[in-house]
N, C-alpha and C. Protein backbone atom coordinates (compact mmCIF):
# COMPACT_ATOMS: atom_id res chain seq x y z
N MET A 1 158.49 59.60 120.34
CA MET A 1 158.96 58.97 118.94
C MET A 1 159.49 60.21 118.17
N ASN A 2 160.73 60.11 117.43
CA ASN A 2 161.42 61.10 116.73
C ASN A 2 161.34 60.80 115.34
N ILE A 3 160.39 61.70 114.70
CA ILE A 3 160.28 61.31 112.93
C ILE A 3 161.15 62.16 112.44
N LEU A 4 161.77 61.66 111.37
CA LEU A 4 162.61 62.36 110.43
C LEU A 4 162.02 63.39 109.72
N ASN A 5 162.45 64.56 109.68
CA ASN A 5 161.65 65.53 108.69
C ASN A 5 162.14 65.52 107.12
N THR A 6 161.22 66.05 106.39
CA THR A 6 160.79 65.60 104.92
C THR A 6 162.43 66.01 104.28
N THR A 7 162.94 67.25 104.54
CA THR A 7 164.01 67.61 103.87
C THR A 7 165.14 66.64 104.52
N ASP A 8 165.33 66.32 105.57
CA ASP A 8 166.64 65.36 105.88
C ASP A 8 166.30 64.07 105.50
N MET A 9 164.88 63.62 105.23
CA MET A 9 164.75 62.28 104.52
C MET A 9 165.16 62.36 103.24
N LYS A 10 164.81 63.44 102.22
CA LYS A 10 165.24 63.45 101.08
C LYS A 10 166.71 63.55 100.89
N ASN A 11 167.33 64.42 101.75
CA ASN A 11 168.86 64.42 101.66
C ASN A 11 169.35 62.76 102.01
N LEU A 12 168.83 62.29 102.91
CA LEU A 12 169.46 60.84 103.23
C LEU A 12 169.42 60.07 101.85
N LEU A 13 168.14 60.09 101.24
CA LEU A 13 167.86 59.14 100.13
C LEU A 13 168.85 59.50 99.10
N ALA A 14 168.97 60.93 98.56
CA ALA A 14 169.47 61.24 97.72
C ALA A 14 171.14 61.02 97.74
N GLU A 15 171.64 60.57 99.07
CA GLU A 15 173.15 60.38 99.38
C GLU A 15 172.95 58.75 99.42
N GLY A 16 172.10 58.06 99.21
CA GLY A 16 172.03 56.79 99.03
C GLY A 16 171.48 56.05 100.22
N ALA A 17 170.98 56.58 101.11
CA ALA A 17 170.22 55.80 102.41
C ALA A 17 169.39 54.64 101.73
N GLN A 18 169.33 53.56 102.47
CA GLN A 18 168.48 52.40 102.53
C GLN A 18 167.27 52.69 102.72
N LEU A 19 166.11 52.71 102.02
CA LEU A 19 164.78 52.71 102.75
C LEU A 19 164.33 51.51 102.61
N VAL A 20 163.49 51.62 103.91
CA VAL A 20 163.16 50.20 104.29
C VAL A 20 161.85 50.17 105.03
N ASP A 21 160.88 49.50 104.56
CA ASP A 21 159.37 49.20 104.77
C ASP A 21 159.31 47.94 105.79
N VAL A 22 158.93 48.57 106.93
CA VAL A 22 158.94 47.50 108.04
C VAL A 22 157.52 46.56 108.12
N ARG A 23 156.64 47.03 107.34
CA ARG A 23 155.30 46.51 107.33
C ARG A 23 155.60 44.85 106.79
N SER A 24 154.14 44.27 107.20
CA SER A 24 153.83 42.93 106.68
C SER A 24 154.35 42.69 105.18
N ALA A 25 154.65 41.75 104.68
CA ALA A 25 154.76 41.40 103.20
C ALA A 25 153.54 41.56 102.44
N GLU A 26 152.55 41.37 103.11
CA GLU A 26 150.97 41.51 102.63
C GLU A 26 150.88 43.22 102.34
N GLU A 27 150.94 44.15 103.77
CA GLU A 27 150.82 45.27 103.42
C GLU A 27 151.75 45.98 102.44
N TYR A 28 153.06 45.42 102.33
CA TYR A 28 154.01 45.96 101.19
C TYR A 28 153.43 45.76 99.85
N GLY A 29 152.73 44.60 99.77
CA GLY A 29 152.22 44.25 98.45
C GLY A 29 151.07 45.09 97.95
N ARG A 30 150.41 45.85 99.00
CA ARG A 30 149.14 46.63 98.57
C ARG A 30 149.83 47.97 98.22
N GLY A 31 151.01 48.12 98.30
CA GLY A 31 151.73 49.46 97.86
C GLY A 31 152.72 49.97 98.80
N ALA A 32 153.82 50.38 98.19
CA ALA A 32 155.14 50.82 99.02
C ALA A 32 155.73 51.87 98.46
N ALA A 33 156.64 52.69 99.19
CA ALA A 33 157.23 53.86 98.58
C ALA A 33 158.32 53.14 97.22
N PRO A 34 158.41 53.94 96.33
CA PRO A 34 159.56 53.69 95.20
C PRO A 34 160.72 53.20 95.66
N GLY A 35 161.17 52.02 95.59
CA GLY A 35 162.57 51.92 95.76
C GLY A 35 162.83 51.01 97.39
N ALA A 36 161.78 51.15 97.93
CA ALA A 36 162.02 50.72 99.37
C ALA A 36 161.94 49.03 99.60
N LYS A 37 162.95 48.54 100.53
CA LYS A 37 163.06 47.03 100.48
C LYS A 37 162.13 46.82 101.51
N ASN A 38 161.35 45.47 101.66
CA ASN A 38 160.45 45.09 102.69
C ASN A 38 161.40 44.05 103.46
N VAL A 39 161.74 44.65 104.67
CA VAL A 39 162.12 43.81 105.81
C VAL A 39 160.87 43.97 107.18
N PRO A 40 160.04 43.01 107.11
CA PRO A 40 158.94 43.14 108.00
C PRO A 40 159.72 43.14 109.58
N LEU A 41 158.73 43.79 110.42
CA LEU A 41 159.64 44.29 111.77
C LEU A 41 159.74 42.65 112.65
N HIS A 42 158.75 41.87 111.92
CA HIS A 42 159.16 40.48 113.14
C HIS A 42 160.14 39.75 112.58
N ILE A 43 160.72 39.81 111.52
CA ILE A 43 162.14 39.18 110.99
C ILE A 43 163.19 40.23 111.06
N MET A 44 162.93 41.28 111.54
CA MET A 44 164.25 42.18 111.33
C MET A 44 165.45 41.64 112.21
N PRO A 45 165.25 41.26 113.39
CA PRO A 45 166.58 40.86 114.38
C PRO A 45 167.02 39.57 113.66
N HIS A 46 166.61 38.84 112.74
CA HIS A 46 167.09 37.68 112.13
C HIS A 46 167.52 38.14 110.93
N VAL A 47 167.24 38.92 110.20
CA VAL A 47 167.81 39.07 108.66
C VAL A 47 168.27 40.65 108.51
N ALA A 48 168.39 41.29 109.45
CA ALA A 48 168.75 42.61 109.03
C ALA A 48 170.14 42.60 108.44
N HIS A 49 171.18 41.53 109.07
CA HIS A 49 172.70 41.75 108.26
C HIS A 49 172.74 41.13 106.93
N GLU A 50 171.54 40.21 106.63
CA GLU A 50 171.24 39.67 105.05
C GLU A 50 171.04 40.72 104.23
N HIS A 51 170.06 41.66 104.62
CA HIS A 51 169.35 42.46 103.78
C HIS A 51 169.90 43.78 103.54
N LEU A 52 170.49 44.39 104.83
CA LEU A 52 170.81 45.74 105.02
C LEU A 52 172.49 45.94 105.25
N ASP A 53 172.75 47.00 104.76
CA ASP A 53 174.24 47.26 104.77
C ASP A 53 174.67 47.89 105.93
N VAL A 54 175.24 47.64 106.94
CA VAL A 54 175.34 48.31 108.29
C VAL A 54 176.07 49.78 108.28
N ASP A 55 176.88 49.80 107.12
CA ASP A 55 177.60 51.11 107.04
C ASP A 55 176.94 52.12 106.20
N LYS A 56 175.80 51.84 105.77
CA LYS A 56 174.93 53.02 104.96
C LYS A 56 173.59 53.40 105.76
N PRO A 57 173.30 54.48 106.00
CA PRO A 57 172.29 54.97 106.62
C PRO A 57 170.88 54.27 106.25
N VAL A 58 170.06 54.07 107.06
CA VAL A 58 168.87 53.34 107.03
C VAL A 58 167.52 54.46 107.17
N VAL A 59 166.66 54.54 106.35
CA VAL A 59 165.45 55.20 106.43
C VAL A 59 164.41 54.20 106.65
N LEU A 60 163.64 53.88 108.06
CA LEU A 60 162.54 53.28 108.03
C LEU A 60 161.08 53.62 107.93
N TYR A 61 160.18 53.15 107.56
CA TYR A 61 158.89 53.50 107.75
C TYR A 61 157.80 52.33 107.91
N CYS A 62 156.95 52.59 108.30
CA CYS A 62 155.60 51.53 108.40
C CYS A 62 154.29 52.23 108.11
N MET A 63 153.36 52.06 108.85
CA MET A 63 151.96 52.72 108.27
C MET A 63 151.88 54.03 109.04
N SER A 64 152.30 54.12 110.59
CA SER A 64 152.20 55.25 111.43
C SER A 64 153.23 55.70 111.98
N GLY A 65 154.25 54.83 112.09
CA GLY A 65 155.73 55.23 112.71
C GLY A 65 155.80 54.40 113.88
N GLY A 66 154.90 53.75 114.51
CA GLY A 66 155.18 52.73 115.72
C GLY A 66 156.15 51.58 115.44
N ARG A 67 155.88 50.85 114.40
CA ARG A 67 156.83 49.54 113.93
C ARG A 67 158.34 50.21 113.61
N SER A 68 158.16 51.36 112.69
CA SER A 68 159.29 51.68 112.30
C SER A 68 160.31 52.29 113.60
N ALA A 69 159.71 52.68 114.81
CA ALA A 69 160.24 53.01 115.95
C ALA A 69 161.10 51.89 116.60
N GLN A 70 160.16 50.52 116.43
CA GLN A 70 160.66 49.50 117.15
C GLN A 70 162.00 48.96 116.22
N ALA A 71 161.67 49.01 114.90
CA ALA A 71 162.93 48.72 114.01
C ALA A 71 164.24 49.31 114.17
N GLN A 72 163.65 50.65 114.40
CA GLN A 72 165.22 51.29 114.78
C GLN A 72 165.74 51.01 116.09
N MET A 73 165.24 50.83 116.86
CA MET A 73 165.85 50.31 118.13
C MET A 73 166.43 49.02 117.93
N ILE A 74 166.02 48.11 117.22
CA ILE A 74 166.40 46.94 116.91
C ILE A 74 167.60 46.77 116.17
N LEU A 75 167.49 47.88 114.98
CA LEU A 75 168.95 48.06 114.18
C LEU A 75 169.98 48.78 115.09
N GLN A 76 169.58 49.45 115.78
CA GLN A 76 170.79 50.22 116.75
C GLN A 76 171.45 49.18 117.44
N SER A 77 170.67 48.28 118.03
CA SER A 77 170.93 47.14 119.01
C SER A 77 171.88 46.41 118.35
N LEU A 78 171.51 46.03 116.82
CA LEU A 78 172.51 45.23 116.15
C LEU A 78 173.85 45.84 115.48
N GLY A 79 173.89 47.38 116.08
CA GLY A 79 175.30 47.90 115.44
C GLY A 79 175.01 48.83 114.32
N PHE A 80 173.84 48.96 113.84
CA PHE A 80 173.55 49.93 112.74
C PHE A 80 173.58 51.30 113.50
N GLY A 81 174.51 52.31 112.95
CA GLY A 81 175.04 53.44 113.41
C GLY A 81 173.86 54.53 113.18
N ARG A 82 173.65 54.73 111.82
CA ARG A 82 172.57 55.84 111.37
C ARG A 82 171.15 55.56 110.70
N VAL A 83 170.20 55.09 111.84
CA VAL A 83 169.10 54.73 111.69
C VAL A 83 168.13 55.63 111.92
N PHE A 84 166.88 55.85 111.00
CA PHE A 84 166.04 56.88 110.98
C PHE A 84 164.71 56.44 110.94
N ASN A 85 163.82 56.93 111.58
CA ASN A 85 162.42 56.86 111.73
C ASN A 85 161.64 57.76 110.71
N ALA A 86 161.16 57.49 109.44
CA ALA A 86 160.43 58.43 108.74
C ALA A 86 159.08 58.49 108.92
N GLY A 87 158.60 57.62 109.99
CA GLY A 87 157.22 57.61 110.39
C GLY A 87 156.29 56.78 109.46
N GLY A 88 155.08 57.17 108.81
CA GLY A 88 154.46 56.63 107.93
C GLY A 88 154.63 56.39 106.54
N LEU A 89 154.00 55.64 105.88
CA LEU A 89 154.25 55.52 104.33
C LEU A 89 153.79 56.76 103.85
N SER A 90 153.02 57.47 104.17
CA SER A 90 152.21 58.62 103.50
C SER A 90 153.34 59.86 103.69
N ASN A 91 154.13 59.81 104.80
CA ASN A 91 155.09 60.87 104.94
C ASN A 91 156.54 60.55 103.76
N VAL A 92 156.66 59.25 103.53
CA VAL A 92 157.63 59.01 102.48
C VAL A 92 156.92 59.39 101.12
N ILE A 93 155.91 58.84 100.94
CA ILE A 93 155.18 59.07 99.60
C ILE A 93 155.02 60.79 99.21
N ASN A 94 154.88 61.17 100.24
CA ASN A 94 154.59 62.87 100.06
C ASN A 94 155.75 63.80 100.34
N ALA A 95 156.86 63.30 100.50
CA ALA A 95 158.05 63.83 100.72
C ALA A 95 158.63 64.33 99.22
């Protein structure tokens, strides 16, 4: 699993990358990174094109990085070119 480093994450977000929390709606409701969209992993293949811009970079996170790695593969298979795994929520909040 290749986790995006803090500097690159900050740069991507400053340039307008989409920040996506792939945890469940319940987990998201208990706390999320500011500005993050919630697109849970289990619905990602079905709604990605409705909620995300394929032409903008996507930065994904979950609780530990596992689900965001799965979401990264899903988005890449759907034609999203610049998709990055930021790992867990704490990585994003502490960036």
